[in-house]
Amino acid sequence: MFSPEGPTLRELAVQALSSVERGYDLLAPKFDHTPYRTPDAVLDATGALLADIGPYDDGLDLCCGTGAGLGVLGRVCRRSVTGVDFSAGMLTVADPAGAAGPGPRPALVRADARALPFTAAFDLVVSFGALGHFRPAELPRLFRQVHSVLRPGGVFALPVGAPPRPGSRASWTLLGFDLVMRVRNAVWRPPFVMYYRAFGFGDVLRELERAGFRVESYPLPGFGRRDDGSPRARVVAARRLP
């Protein structure tokens, strides 16, 4: 699937019938050859934006996967970079290859994002495309965890893309994927939590504010704007209040 180096249809089916942790352990060796990896254009644009609103000493990549976002932190953090994920397979792939790059060499930690083993140790936390692995009811707990590991004034950065136009092919594709996942989770255990439209942009902003953040939004100009003038891609920068 996707490319000759990517997973086969059978491998994807086995992954989808596993737990989230086990599924990503299985997918990890071929993950970078799938569309699930954050595109370099998004990584580069996010890094440039974060450099403008910095500086930062210590950074954390939340749900770092195979380490694509660690390079962003390496370019903008002056002292330390940490990646956390609960898939041992993903961290194994990130260790020899994804951790290489400019800046501090990352430390990799296996842990659940809902129970982070850190105190207020970071000036910057980033997360690329991980929110779909959390149910809406888990957002308050997740954001409280991020708040607790940031120093006062620290930033939680979330690159987000604009949802597709309602009724478009892309919109129906995402809704169809979510429907399939909901049916799968209703009839099969363990659940595999991966949804594209489980909650809206407004839900994320509201829960960030409830967790004690001041939320700002920065458009990524390289991705253009929609017909209504809204950006096609932006970075939500939630700053921990003193």
C-alpha atoms as a PDB file:
ATOM      1  CA  MET A   1       0.000   0.000   0.000  1.00  0.00           C
ATOM      2  CA  PHE A   2       1.015   3.644  -0.624  1.00  0.00           C
ATOM      3  CA  SER A   3       4.477   2.769  -1.990  1.00  0.00           C
ATOM      4  CA  PRO A   4       6.612  -0.346  -2.599  1.00  0.00           C
ATOM      5  CA  GLU A   5       8.271   0.232   0.789  1.00  0.00           C
ATOM      6  CA  GLY A   6       4.971   0.762   2.592  1.00  0.00           C
ATOM      7  CA  PRO A   7       2.795  -1.752   4.457  1.00  0.00           C
ATOM      8  CA  THR A   8       0.732  -4.299   2.560  1.00  0.00           C
ATOM      9  CA  LEU A   9      -3.045  -4.402   2.800  1.00  0.00           C
ATOM     10  CA  ARG A  10      -2.760  -7.503   4.966  1.00  0.00           C
ATOM     11  CA  GLU A  11      -0.327  -5.761   7.325  1.00  0.00           C
ATOM     12  CA  LEU A  12      -2.683  -2.799   7.657  1.00  0.00           C
ATOM     13  CA  ALA A  13      -5.588  -5.139   8.411  1.00  0.00           C
ATOM     14  CA  VAL A  14      -3.624  -6.878  11.162  1.00  0.00           C
ATOM     15  CA  GLN A  15      -2.661  -3.498  12.590  1.00  0.00           C
ATOM     16  CA  ALA A  16      -6.271  -2.279  12.552  1.00  0.00           C
ATOM     17  CA  LEU A  17      -7.420  -5.345  14.490  1.00  0.00           C
ATOM     18  CA  SER A  18      -4.820  -4.768  17.210  1.00  0.00           C
ATOM     19  CA  SER A  19      -4.711  -2.296  20.075  1.00  0.00           C
ATOM     20  CA  VAL A  20      -3.316   1.165  19.314  1.00  0.00           C
ATOM     21  CA  GLU A  21      -0.024   0.305  20.995  1.00  0.00           C
ATOM     22  CA  ARG A  22       0.386  -3.089  19.323  1.00  0.00           C
ATOM     23  CA  GLY A  23      -0.822  -1.755  15.991  1.00  0.00           C
ATOM     24  CA  TYR A  24       1.817   0.949  15.890  1.00  0.00           C
ATOM     25  CA  ASP A  25       4.487  -1.471  17.063  1.00  0.00           C
ATOM     26  CA  LEU A  26       3.665  -3.517  13.948  1.00  0.00           C
ATOM     27  CA  LEU A  27       3.482  -0.497  11.628  1.00  0.00           C
ATOM     28  CA  ALA A  28       6.611   1.224  12.919  1.00  0.00           C
ATOM     29  CA  PRO A  29       9.204  -0.224  10.470  1.00  0.00           C
ATOM     30  CA  LYS A  30       7.175   1.038   7.479  1.00  0.00           C
ATOM     31  CA  PHE A  31       5.446   4.042   9.047  1.00  0.00           C
ATOM     32  CA  ASP A  32       7.620   6.638   7.305  1.00  0.00           C
ATOM     33  CA  HIS A  33       6.488   5.254   3.941  1.00  0.00           C
ATOM     34  CA  THR A  34       2.809   5.990   4.630  1.00  0.00           C
ATOM     35  CA  PRO A  35       0.720   9.194   4.404  1.00  0.00           C
ATOM     36  CA  TYR A  36       0.343   9.054   8.205  1.00  0.00           C
ATOM     37  CA  ARG A  37       3.781  10.601   8.675  1.00  0.00           C
ATOM     38  CA  THR A  38       3.608  14.395   8.994  1.00  0.00           C
ATOM     39  CA  PRO A  39       4.776  15.916   5.671  1.00  0.00           C
ATOM     40  CA  ASP A  40       8.115  17.717   5.655  1.00  0.00           C
ATOM     41  CA  ALA A  41       6.397  20.896   4.453  1.00  0.00           C
ATOM     42  CA  VAL A  42       4.312  21.011   7.644  1.00  0.00           C
ATOM     43  CA  LEU A  43       7.332  20.232   9.821  1.00  0.00           C
ATOM     44  CA  ASP A  44       9.458  22.949   8.202  1.00  0.00           C
ATOM     45  CA  ALA A  45       6.725  25.592   8.333  1.00  0.00           C
ATOM     46  CA  THR A  46       5.965  24.793  11.970  1.00  0.00           C
ATOM     47  CA  GLY A  47       9.649  24.987  12.876  1.00  0.00           C
ATOM     48  CA  ALA A  48       9.990  28.395  11.227  1.00  0.00           C
ATOM     49  CA  LEU A  49       6.928  29.712  13.066  1.00  0.00           C
ATOM     50  CA  LEU A  50       8.101  28.383  16.430  1.00  0.00           C
ATOM     51  CA  ALA A  51      11.522  29.958  15.942  1.00  0.00           C
ATOM     52  CA  ASP A  52       9.792  33.324  15.493  1.00  0.00           C
ATOM     53  CA  ILE A  53       7.785  33.077  18.729  1.00  0.00           C
ATOM     54  CA  GLY A  54      10.586  31.460  20.824  1.00  0.00           C
ATOM     55  CA  PRO A  55      13.143  31.092  22.298  1.00  0.00           C
ATOM     56  CA  TYR A  56      13.046  27.732  24.095  1.00  0.00           C
ATOM     57  CA  ASP A  57      15.555  25.784  26.129  1.00  0.00           C
ATOM     58  CA  ASP A  58      13.873  22.391  26.557  1.00  0.00           C
ATOM     59  CA  GLY A  59      11.344  20.768  24.219  1.00  0.00           C
ATOM     60  CA  LEU A  60       9.070  17.713  24.274  1.00  0.00           C
ATOM     61  CA  ASP A  61       7.530  15.945  21.271  1.00  0.00           C
ATOM     62  CA  LEU A  62       4.289  14.396  22.556  1.00  0.00           C
ATOM     63  CA  CYS A  63       3.446  11.102  20.809  1.00  0.00           C
ATOM     64  CA  CYS A  64       6.647  11.422  18.794  1.00  0.00           C
ATOM     65  CA  GLY A  65       6.213   8.243  16.740  1.00  0.00           C
ATOM     66  CA  THR A  66       9.230   7.568  14.545  1.00  0.00           C
ATOM     67  CA  GLY A  67      10.690  10.959  15.370  1.00  0.00           C
ATOM     68  CA  ALA A  68       9.754  13.232  12.465  1.00  0.00           C
ATOM     69  CA  GLY A  69       8.981  16.122  14.836  1.00  0.00           C
ATOM     70  CA  LEU A  70      12.177  15.731  16.841  1.00  0.00           C
ATOM     71  CA  GLY A  71      14.089  17.517  14.109  1.00  0.00           C
ATOM     72  CA  VAL A  72      11.817  20.546  14.547  1.00  0.00           C
ATOM     73  CA  LEU A  73      12.650  20.672  18.254  1.00  0.00           C
ATOM     74  CA  GLY A  74      16.333  20.178  17.486  1.00  0.00           C
ATOM     75  CA  ARG A  75      16.289  23.340  15.385  1.00  0.00           C
ATOM     76  CA  VAL A  76      14.489  25.560  17.913  1.00  0.00           C
ATOM     77  CA  CYS A  77      15.514  24.231  21.358  1.00  0.00           C
ATOM     78  CA  ARG A  78      18.873  25.271  22.789  1.00  0.00           C
ATOM     79  CA  ARG A  79      19.407  22.757  25.586  1.00  0.00           C
ATOM     80  CA  SER A  80      17.442  19.500  25.404  1.00  0.00           C
ATOM     81  CA  VAL A  81      14.944  17.587  23.261  1.00  0.00           C
ATOM     82  CA  THR A  82      12.758  14.695  24.466  1.00  0.00           C
ATOM     83  CA  GLY A  83      10.391  12.422  22.573  1.00  0.00           C
ATOM     84  CA  VAL A  84       7.666  10.434  24.316  1.00  0.00           C
ATOM     85  CA  ASP A  85       5.487   7.672  22.856  1.00  0.00           C
ATOM     86  CA  PHE A  86       3.872   4.534  24.232  1.00  0.00           C
ATOM     87  CA  SER A  87       4.794   2.389  21.217  1.00  0.00           C
ATOM     88  CA  ALA A  88       8.109   0.659  21.778  1.00  0.00           C
ATOM     89  CA  GLY A  89       8.254  -0.128  18.061  1.00  0.00           C
ATOM     90  CA  MET A  90       7.991   3.537  17.119  1.00  0.00           C
ATOM     91  CA  LEU A  91      10.713   4.519  19.577  1.00  0.00           C
ATOM     92  CA  THR A  92      12.986   1.790  18.220  1.00  0.00           C
ATOM     93  CA  VAL A  93      12.711   3.292  14.739  1.00  0.00           C
ATOM     94  CA  ALA A  94      13.170   6.839  16.063  1.00  0.00           C
ATOM     95  CA  ASP A  95      16.317   5.969  17.999  1.00  0.00           C
ATOM     96  CA  PRO A  96      18.877   5.260  15.261  1.00  0.00           C
ATOM     97  CA  ALA A  97      17.520   7.454  12.467  1.00  0.00           C
ATOM     98  CA  GLY A  98      14.819   9.889  13.522  1.00  0.00           C
ATOM     99  CA  ALA A  99      16.859  11.196  16.458  1.00  0.00           C
ATOM    100  CA  ALA A 100      19.728  12.292  14.221  1.00  0.00           C
ATOM    101  CA  GLY A 101      19.892  15.932  13.179  1.00  0.00           C
ATOM    102  CA  PRO A 102      20.950  19.401  14.297  1.00  0.00           C
ATOM    103  CA  GLY A 103      20.760  20.531  17.891  1.00  0.00           C
ATOM    104  CA  PRO A 104      20.619  18.454  21.072  1.00  0.00           C
ATOM    105  CA  ARG A 105      20.434  14.682  20.695  1.00  0.00           C
ATOM    106  CA  PRO A 106      16.935  13.615  21.783  1.00  0.00           C
ATOM    107  CA  ALA A 107      16.174  11.468  24.788  1.00  0.00           C
ATOM    108  CA  LEU A 108      13.398   8.960  24.043  1.00  0.00           C
ATOM    109  CA  VAL A 109      10.923   7.919  26.754  1.00  0.00           C
ATOM    110  CA  ARG A 110       8.218   5.276  26.582  1.00  0.00           C
ATOM    111  CA  ALA A 111       5.140   6.579  28.388  1.00  0.00           C
ATOM    112  CA  ASP A 112       1.437   7.288  28.020  1.00  0.00           C
ATOM    113  CA  ALA A 113       0.653  10.916  27.121  1.00  0.00           C
ATOM    114  CA  ARG A 114      -2.170  10.817  29.669  1.00  0.00           C
ATOM    115  CA  ALA A 115       0.289  10.066  32.496  1.00  0.00           C
ATOM    116  CA  LEU A 116       3.529  11.851  31.674  1.00  0.00           C
ATOM    117  CA  PRO A 117       6.523  11.084  33.923  1.00  0.00           C
ATOM    118  CA  PHE A 118       7.759  14.683  34.067  1.00  0.00           C
ATOM    119  CA  THR A 119       7.356  17.751  36.208  1.00  0.00           C
ATOM    120  CA  ALA A 120       7.425  21.325  34.863  1.00  0.00           C
ATOM    121  CA  ALA A 121      10.510  20.609  32.763  1.00  0.00           C
ATOM    122  CA  PHE A 122       9.812  22.078  29.312  1.00  0.00           C
ATOM    123  CA  ASP A 123       9.434  25.428  27.565  1.00  0.00           C
ATOM    124  CA  LEU A 124       7.867  23.888  24.459  1.00  0.00           C
ATOM    125  CA  VAL A 125       5.649  20.861  23.809  1.00  0.00           C
ATOM    126  CA  VAL A 126       4.693  19.952  20.243  1.00  0.00           C
ATOM    127  CA  SER A 127       2.371  17.290  18.890  1.00  0.00           C
ATOM    128  CA  PHE A 128       1.957  16.425  15.231  1.00  0.00           C
ATOM    129  CA  GLY A 129      -1.298  14.679  14.354  1.00  0.00           C
ATOM    130  CA  ALA A 130      -1.742  12.781  17.608  1.00  0.00           C
ATOM    131  CA  LEU A 131      -5.105  14.099  18.829  1.00  0.00           C
ATOM    132  CA  GLY A 132      -7.025  11.533  16.771  1.00  0.00           C
ATOM    133  CA  HIS A 133      -5.795   8.842  19.166  1.00  0.00           C
ATOM    134  CA  PHE A 134      -7.737  10.339  22.064  1.00  0.00           C
ATOM    135  CA  ARG A 135     -11.468  10.287  22.649  1.00  0.00           C
ATOM    136  CA  PRO A 136     -13.137  13.677  23.216  1.00  0.00           C
ATOM    137  CA  ALA A 137     -13.649  12.873  26.904  1.00  0.00           C
ATOM    138  CA  GLU A 138      -9.873  12.412  27.279  1.00  0.00           C
ATOM    139  CA  LEU A 139      -8.916  15.904  26.065  1.00  0.00           C
ATOM    140  CA  PRO A 140      -9.213  17.583  29.493  1.00  0.00           C
ATOM    141  CA  ARG A 141      -6.894  15.024  31.087  1.00  0.00           C
ATOM    142  CA  LEU A 142      -4.448  15.176  28.185  1.00  0.00           C
ATOM    143  CA  PHE A 143      -4.258  18.964  28.214  1.00  0.00           C
ATOM    144  CA  ARG A 144      -3.858  19.051  31.996  1.00  0.00           C
ATOM    145  CA  GLN A 145      -0.899  16.716  31.608  1.00  0.00           C
ATOM    146  CA  VAL A 146       0.696  19.004  29.030  1.00  0.00           C
ATOM    147  CA  HIS A 147       0.029  22.002  31.274  1.00  0.00           C
ATOM    148  CA  SER A 148       1.772  20.235  34.169  1.00  0.00           C
ATOM    149  CA  VAL A 149       4.984  19.518  32.249  1.00  0.00           C
ATOM    150  CA  LEU A 150       5.344  23.064  30.890  1.00  0.00           C
ATOM    151  CA  ARG A 151       7.058  25.818  32.809  1.00  0.00           C
ATOM    152  CA  PRO A 152       5.019  29.016  33.294  1.00  0.00           C
ATOM    153  CA  GLY A 153       5.000  30.852  29.975  1.00  0.00           C
ATOM    154  CA  GLY A 154       5.779  27.644  28.058  1.00  0.00           C
ATOM    155  CA  VAL A 155       4.046  26.860  24.755  1.00  0.00           C
ATOM    156  CA  PHE A 156       2.035  23.847  23.607  1.00  0.00           C
ATOM    157  CA  ALA A 157       2.076  23.928  19.784  1.00  0.00           C
ATOM    158  CA  LEU A 158      -0.406  22.011  17.640  1.00  0.00           C
ATOM    159  CA  PRO A 159      -0.230  22.294  13.833  1.00  0.00           C
ATOM    160  CA  VAL A 160      -3.740  21.786  12.434  1.00  0.00           C
ATOM    161  CA  GLY A 161      -5.182  21.730   8.949  1.00  0.00           C
ATOM    162  CA  ALA A 162      -8.540  23.171   7.955  1.00  0.00           C
ATOM    163  CA  PRO A 163     -11.258  20.533   7.648  1.00  0.00           C
ATOM    164  CA  PRO A 164     -12.346  19.705   4.105  1.00  0.00           C
ATOM    165  CA  ARG A 165     -15.391  21.443   2.696  1.00  0.00           C
ATOM    166  CA  PRO A 166     -18.613  19.703   3.817  1.00  0.00           C
ATOM    167  CA  GLY A 167     -19.930  17.454   1.075  1.00  0.00           C
ATOM    168  CA  SER A 168     -16.573  17.183  -0.651  1.00  0.00           C
ATOM    169  CA  ARG A 169     -14.981  13.859  -1.484  1.00  0.00           C
ATOM    170  CA  ALA A 170     -12.334  14.409   1.190  1.00  0.00           C
ATOM    171  CA  SER A 171     -14.999  15.144   3.809  1.00  0.00           C
ATOM    172  CA  TRP A 172     -16.948  11.983   2.975  1.00  0.00           C
ATOM    173  CA  THR A 173     -13.726   9.953   3.031  1.00  0.00           C
ATOM    174  CA  LEU A 174     -12.868  11.093   6.558  1.00  0.00           C
ATOM    175  CA  LEU A 175     -16.405  10.584   7.804  1.00  0.00           C
ATOM    176  CA  GLY A 176     -16.437   7.117   6.244  1.00  0.00           C
ATOM    177  CA  PHE A 177     -13.154   6.223   7.916  1.00  0.00           C
ATOM    178  CA  ASP A 178     -14.475   7.323  11.309  1.00  0.00           C
ATOM    179  CA  LEU A 179     -17.674   5.323  10.793  1.00  0.00           C
ATOM    180  CA  VAL A 180     -15.691   2.188   9.966  1.00  0.00           C
ATOM    181  CA  MET A 181     -13.561   2.673  13.087  1.00  0.00           C
ATOM    182  CA  ARG A 182     -16.626   3.139  15.286  1.00  0.00           C
ATOM    183  CA  VAL A 183     -18.207  -0.059  13.942  1.00  0.00           C
ATOM    184  CA  ARG A 184     -14.904  -1.905  14.380  1.00  0.00           C
ATOM    185  CA  ASN A 185     -14.608  -0.746  17.992  1.00  0.00           C
ATOM    186  CA  ALA A 186     -18.218  -1.709  18.703  1.00  0.00           C
ATOM    187  CA  VAL A 187     -17.664  -5.324  17.667  1.00  0.00           C
ATOM    188  CA  TRP A 188     -13.963  -5.967  18.270  1.00  0.00           C
ATOM    189  CA  ARG A 189     -11.628  -5.773  21.258  1.00  0.00           C
ATOM    190  CA  PRO A 190      -9.214  -4.292  22.048  1.00  0.00           C
ATOM    191  CA  PRO A 191     -10.293  -0.929  20.601  1.00  0.00           C
ATOM    192  CA  PHE A 192      -8.168   0.968  18.100  1.00  0.00           C
ATOM    193  CA  VAL A 193      -8.689   4.668  18.752  1.00  0.00           C
ATOM    194  CA  MET A 194      -8.000   6.646  15.576  1.00  0.00           C
ATOM    195  CA  TYR A 195     -10.560   9.198  14.445  1.00  0.00           C
ATOM    196  CA  TYR A 196     -10.303  12.178  12.103  1.00  0.00           C
ATOM    197  CA  ARG A 197     -13.535  13.968  13.023  1.00  0.00           C
ATOM    198  CA  ALA A 198     -14.104  13.073  16.678  1.00  0.00           C
ATOM    199  CA  PHE A 199     -14.079  16.713  17.786  1.00  0.00           C
ATOM    200  CA  GLY A 200     -13.916  20.142  16.210  1.00  0.00           C
ATOM    201  CA  PHE A 201     -11.449  23.003  16.308  1.00  0.00           C
ATOM    202  CA  GLY A 202     -13.647  24.878  18.779  1.00  0.00           C
ATOM    203  CA  ASP A 203     -13.647  21.908  21.151  1.00  0.00           C
ATOM    204  CA  VAL A 204      -9.839  21.892  21.217  1.00  0.00           C
ATOM    205  CA  LEU A 205      -9.639  25.638  21.901  1.00  0.00           C
ATOM    206  CA  ARG A 206     -12.221  25.446  24.683  1.00  0.00           C
ATOM    207  CA  GLU A 207     -10.496  22.568  26.467  1.00  0.00           C
ATOM    208  CA  LEU A 208      -7.097  24.239  26.203  1.00  0.00           C
ATOM    209  CA  GLU A 209      -8.478  27.369  27.867  1.00  0.00           C
ATOM    210  CA  ARG A 210     -10.122  25.294  30.594  1.00  0.00           C
ATOM    211  CA  ALA A 211      -6.778  23.606  31.262  1.00  0.00           C
ATOM    212  CA  GLY A 212      -5.162  26.989  31.977  1.00  0.00           C
ATOM    213  CA  PHE A 213      -3.752  28.070  28.620  1.00  0.00           C
ATOM    214  CA  ARG A 214      -3.940  31.346  26.742  1.00  0.00           C
ATOM    215  CA  VAL A 215      -4.536  30.284  23.164  1.00  0.00           C
ATOM    216  CA  GLU A 216      -3.250  32.034  20.052  1.00  0.00           C
ATOM    217  CA  SER A 217      -3.415  30.916  16.427  1.00  0.00           C
ATOM    218  CA  TYR A 218      -0.849  31.567  13.704  1.00  0.00           C
ATOM    219  CA  PRO A 219      -1.535  30.889  10.011  1.00  0.00           C
ATOM    220  CA  LEU A 220       1.084  29.007   8.022  1.00  0.00           C
ATOM    221  CA  PRO A 221       1.252  31.238   4.931  1.00  0.00           C
ATOM    222  CA  GLY A 222       2.884  28.689   2.646  1.00  0.00           C
ATOM    223  CA  PHE A 223      -0.359  26.676   2.554  1.00  0.00           C
ATOM    224  CA  GLY A 224      -2.602  29.492   1.359  1.00  0.00           C
ATOM    225  CA  ARG A 225      -6.170  30.314   2.341  1.00  0.00           C
ATOM    226  CA  ARG A 226      -9.602  28.897   1.665  1.00  0.00           C
ATOM    227  CA  ASP A 227     -12.303  30.722  -0.286  1.00  0.00           C
ATOM    228  CA  ASP A 228     -13.670  32.201   2.956  1.00  0.00           C
ATOM    229  CA  GLY A 229     -10.253  33.676   3.803  1.00  0.00           C
ATOM    230  CA  SER A 230      -9.407  31.267   6.633  1.00  0.00           C
ATOM    231  CA  PRO A 231      -5.953  29.635   6.553  1.00  0.00           C
ATOM    232  CA  ARG A 232      -5.599  26.125   5.166  1.00  0.00           C
ATOM    233  CA  ALA A 233      -3.099  25.347   7.904  1.00  0.00           C
ATOM    234  CA  ARG A 234      -2.245  27.007  11.198  1.00  0.00           C
ATOM    235  CA  VAL A 235      -0.364  26.453  14.423  1.00  0.00           C
ATOM    236  CA  VAL A 236      -2.353  26.654  17.636  1.00  0.00           C
ATOM    237  CA  ALA A 237       0.048  27.991  20.276  1.00  0.00           C
ATOM    238  CA  ALA A 238      -1.325  27.519  23.786  1.00  0.00           C
ATOM    239  CA  ARG A 239       0.783  29.316  26.384  1.00  0.00           C
ATOM    240  CA  ARG A 240       0.733  28.211  30.018  1.00  0.00           C
ATOM    241  CA  LEU A 241      -0.336  31.116  32.161  1.00  0.00           C
ATOM    242  CA  PRO A 242       1.829  32.038  35.184  1.00  0.00           C
END
